[in-house]
Amino acid sequence: MNYGEIKDFDIANGEGVRVSLFVSGCTHQCKNCFNKETWSFSFGQPFTLDTEDIILEKLAPDYISGLTLLGGEPFEPSNQAALLPFLRRVKKQYPDKPLWCYTGYLFDSELLEPSRARCEHTDEMLSLIDVLVDGEFVQELYSITLQFRGSSNQRIIDVKKSLAAGRVVPYVPMSGRIKTEK
């Protein structure tokens, strides 16, 4: 897997100050995507153990709230294979730092059910993610007023509660500021 960028102090893609990893490779190719260059699976640099170590070091300070995965598409099957061992390391070293992930795939109908995205890594990867922002970006549903998402069709999901309940449970933010209505 390749990655396009690592942001050290991201405040736009999840609650608090976060480290964000933008993976390469996306087959959704949403109209007016903000990160079009990451559609190519060969964009950027190889994601190596050294890269993992750098990100783990960046997560160490107390003021860093957690890690966010974006893209590209973290749930492309080839990206899942590369990310899963890394996510295990993150959760082992920083069990109290929430992991957010953005995906164009739908949690309930594409990640939990048979689909092009679902593979042998999906269930464990989901088990390590705390908050999932799902759904493709839809330009016609774009609003600058939406926090942590680009279009109103995208959902902010509490993954742990959703897996336990067997249905989508919206994420309730610590700040109480996320509007969940469309």
Protein backbone atom coordinates (compact mmCIF):
# COMPACT_ATOMS: atom_id res chain seq x y z
CA MET A 1 0.00 0.00 0.00
CA ASN A 2 1.06 3.56 -0.59
CA TYR A 3 0.06 6.67 1.30
CA GLY A 4 -0.28 10.25 0.15
CA GLU A 5 0.20 12.19 3.36
CA ILE A 6 0.47 12.11 7.13
CA LYS A 7 -0.95 15.14 8.94
CA ASP A 8 0.51 15.70 12.40
CA PHE A 9 -2.08 18.11 13.83
CA ASP A 10 -5.42 17.53 12.09
CA ILE A 11 -8.49 19.17 13.64
CA ALA A 12 -10.87 18.68 10.69
CA ASN A 13 -11.14 14.88 10.52
CA GLY A 14 -12.36 13.79 13.95
CA GLU A 15 -12.60 15.17 17.44
CA GLY A 16 -9.59 16.81 19.04
CA VAL A 17 -6.12 17.12 17.59
CA ARG A 18 -5.41 14.02 15.57
CA VAL A 19 -2.77 12.36 13.43
CA SER A 20 -4.27 11.56 10.02
CA LEU A 21 -3.07 9.02 7.48
CA PHE A 22 -4.22 9.49 3.89
CA VAL A 23 -3.90 6.13 2.13
CA SER A 24 -3.64 5.79 -1.64
CA GLY A 25 -6.08 3.94 -3.85
CA CYS A 26 -9.80 4.54 -4.31
CA THR A 27 -12.24 3.10 -6.82
CA HIS A 28 -15.18 5.34 -5.79
CA GLN A 29 -13.80 8.39 -7.60
CA CYS A 30 -16.48 10.73 -6.22
CA LYS A 31 -17.27 13.86 -8.23
CA ASN A 32 -15.31 16.85 -6.79
CA CYS A 33 -13.35 14.68 -4.36
CA PHE A 34 -11.09 16.86 -2.19
CA ASN A 35 -8.22 14.39 -2.49
CA LYS A 36 -8.36 13.22 -6.11
CA GLU A 37 -4.64 12.47 -6.34
CA THR A 38 -5.09 9.58 -3.89
CA TRP A 39 -7.34 7.67 -6.30
CA SER A 40 -4.24 6.04 -7.77
CA PHE A 41 -2.97 3.06 -5.80
CA SER A 42 0.59 4.02 -6.79
CA PHE A 43 0.36 7.65 -5.58
CA GLY A 44 2.68 8.77 -2.80
CA GLN A 45 5.15 6.69 -0.85
CA PRO A 46 5.22 3.06 0.27
CA PHE A 47 3.66 2.40 3.67
CA THR A 48 6.41 0.56 5.56
CA LEU A 49 7.23 -0.45 9.13
CA ASP A 50 9.27 2.76 9.35
CA THR A 51 6.13 4.70 8.38
CA GLU A 52 4.18 2.87 11.08
CA ASP A 53 6.85 3.73 13.65
CA ILE A 54 6.76 7.40 12.65
CA ILE A 55 2.97 7.54 13.09
CA LEU A 56 3.13 5.72 16.44
CA GLU A 57 5.67 8.29 17.63
CA LYS A 58 3.44 11.15 16.44
CA LEU A 59 0.53 9.67 18.46
CA ALA A 60 2.52 9.72 21.73
CA PRO A 61 1.86 13.24 23.06
CA ASP A 62 -1.05 13.60 25.48
CA TYR A 63 -2.58 16.40 23.39
CA ILE A 64 -3.01 14.04 20.42
CA SER A 65 -6.53 12.63 20.66
CA GLY A 66 -6.15 9.74 18.22
CA LEU A 67 -5.62 8.53 14.67
CA THR A 68 -7.79 9.11 11.60
CA LEU A 69 -7.64 7.03 8.41
CA LEU A 70 -8.70 8.67 5.15
CA GLY A 71 -7.82 8.40 1.56
CA GLY A 72 -8.06 7.30 -0.95
CA GLU A 73 -10.08 4.47 0.53
CA PRO A 74 -8.92 2.59 3.65
CA PHE A 75 -11.44 -0.20 2.97
CA GLU A 76 -10.16 -1.14 -0.47
CA PRO A 77 -9.31 -4.83 0.14
CA SER A 78 -5.60 -4.37 -0.64
CA ASN A 79 -5.45 -1.42 1.77
CA GLN A 80 -7.19 -3.42 4.51
CA ALA A 81 -4.48 -6.08 4.23
CA ALA A 82 -1.77 -3.46 4.79
CA LEU A 83 -3.61 -1.45 7.46
CA LEU A 84 -4.76 -4.27 9.73
CA PRO A 85 -1.35 -5.14 11.26
CA PHE A 86 -0.71 -1.43 11.79
CA LEU A 87 -4.08 -0.88 13.48
CA ARG A 88 -3.34 -3.76 15.84
CA ARG A 89 -0.12 -1.97 16.84
CA VAL A 90 -1.93 1.35 17.32
CA LYS A 91 -4.61 -0.18 19.56
CA LYS A 92 -2.03 -2.13 21.57
CA GLN A 93 0.15 0.93 22.18
CA TYR A 94 -2.66 3.51 22.52
CA PRO A 95 -5.84 1.67 23.58
CA ASP A 96 -7.50 4.89 24.81
CA LYS A 97 -6.91 6.96 21.68
CA PRO A 98 -9.95 6.68 19.40
CA LEU A 99 -9.47 5.53 15.84
CA TRP A 100 -11.62 7.29 13.23
CA CYS A 101 -11.94 6.08 9.65
CA TYR A 102 -13.53 7.62 6.56
CA THR A 103 -14.89 5.29 3.89
CA GLY A 104 -17.05 5.60 0.81
CA TYR A 105 -18.47 2.16 1.55
CA LEU A 106 -21.65 1.82 3.59
CA PHE A 107 -21.16 0.20 6.98
CA ASP A 108 -24.28 -1.95 7.05
CA SER A 109 -24.70 -2.93 3.40
CA GLU A 110 -21.15 -3.04 2.06
CA LEU A 111 -18.77 -3.68 4.95
CA LEU A 112 -20.95 -6.09 6.96
CA GLU A 113 -22.57 -7.80 3.97
CA PRO A 114 -21.01 -9.48 0.92
CA SER A 115 -19.61 -6.79 -1.36
CA ARG A 116 -16.53 -5.84 -3.33
CA ALA A 117 -15.04 -4.24 -0.19
CA ARG A 118 -15.66 -7.07 2.24
CA CYS A 119 -12.71 -9.44 2.64
CA GLU A 120 -11.02 -11.60 5.26
CA HIS A 121 -9.71 -8.48 7.05
CA THR A 122 -12.90 -6.42 7.26
CA ASP A 123 -14.39 -7.74 10.52
CA GLU A 124 -11.19 -7.36 12.51
CA MET A 125 -10.48 -3.95 11.00
CA LEU A 126 -13.96 -2.78 12.00
CA SER A 127 -13.44 -4.15 15.51
CA LEU A 128 -10.43 -1.83 15.91
CA ILE A 129 -12.21 1.31 14.64
CA ASP A 130 -14.15 3.48 17.07
CA VAL A 131 -15.86 5.93 14.71
CA LEU A 132 -16.65 5.37 11.03
CA VAL A 133 -17.76 8.11 8.66
CA ASP A 134 -19.39 6.17 5.83
CA GLY A 135 -20.83 6.87 2.41
CA GLU A 136 -19.47 8.38 -0.76
CA PHE A 137 -19.10 12.13 -1.03
CA VAL A 138 -22.06 13.48 -3.03
CA GLN A 139 -21.50 16.98 -4.39
CA GLU A 140 -25.22 17.74 -4.56
CA LEU A 141 -25.50 17.03 -0.79
CA TYR A 142 -22.43 19.06 0.15
CA SER A 143 -22.72 21.60 2.95
CA ILE A 144 -20.00 23.58 4.66
CA THR A 145 -22.07 23.43 7.88
CA LEU A 146 -21.57 19.67 8.30
CA GLN A 147 -19.00 18.78 10.92
CA PHE A 148 -16.59 15.91 10.14
CA ARG A 149 -18.28 15.05 6.83
CA GLY A 150 -18.62 16.58 3.41
CA SER A 151 -22.15 15.63 2.35
CA SER A 152 -25.34 15.00 4.29
CA ASN A 153 -25.67 11.37 3.16
CA GLN A 154 -22.53 10.48 5.11
CA ARG A 155 -23.10 9.01 8.56
CA ILE A 156 -20.93 9.27 11.67
CA ILE A 157 -21.20 5.82 13.25
CA ASP A 158 -20.23 4.47 16.66
CA VAL A 159 -18.74 1.22 15.41
CA LYS A 160 -18.51 -0.62 18.76
CA LYS A 161 -22.13 0.15 19.67
CA SER A 162 -23.31 -0.65 16.15
CA LEU A 163 -21.59 -4.04 16.10
CA ALA A 164 -23.05 -4.88 19.52
CA ALA A 165 -26.56 -3.73 18.59
CA GLY A 166 -26.62 -5.26 15.12
CA ARG A 167 -27.75 -1.93 13.64
CA VAL A 168 -26.25 1.46 12.88
CA VAL A 169 -25.84 3.54 16.04
CA PRO A 170 -24.91 7.19 15.41
CA TYR A 171 -21.82 8.46 17.16
CA VAL A 172 -22.53 10.83 20.04
CA PRO A 173 -19.63 13.26 20.19
CA MET A 174 -17.93 14.25 23.41
CA SER A 175 -18.38 17.88 22.40
CA GLY A 176 -22.09 17.48 21.67
CA ARG A 177 -21.64 19.61 18.54
CA ILE A 178 -22.16 17.17 15.66
CA LYS A 179 -25.49 17.61 13.91
CA THR A 180 -26.69 14.21 12.71
CA GLU A 181 -29.81 15.30 10.80
CA LYS A 182 -29.61 15.48 7.03
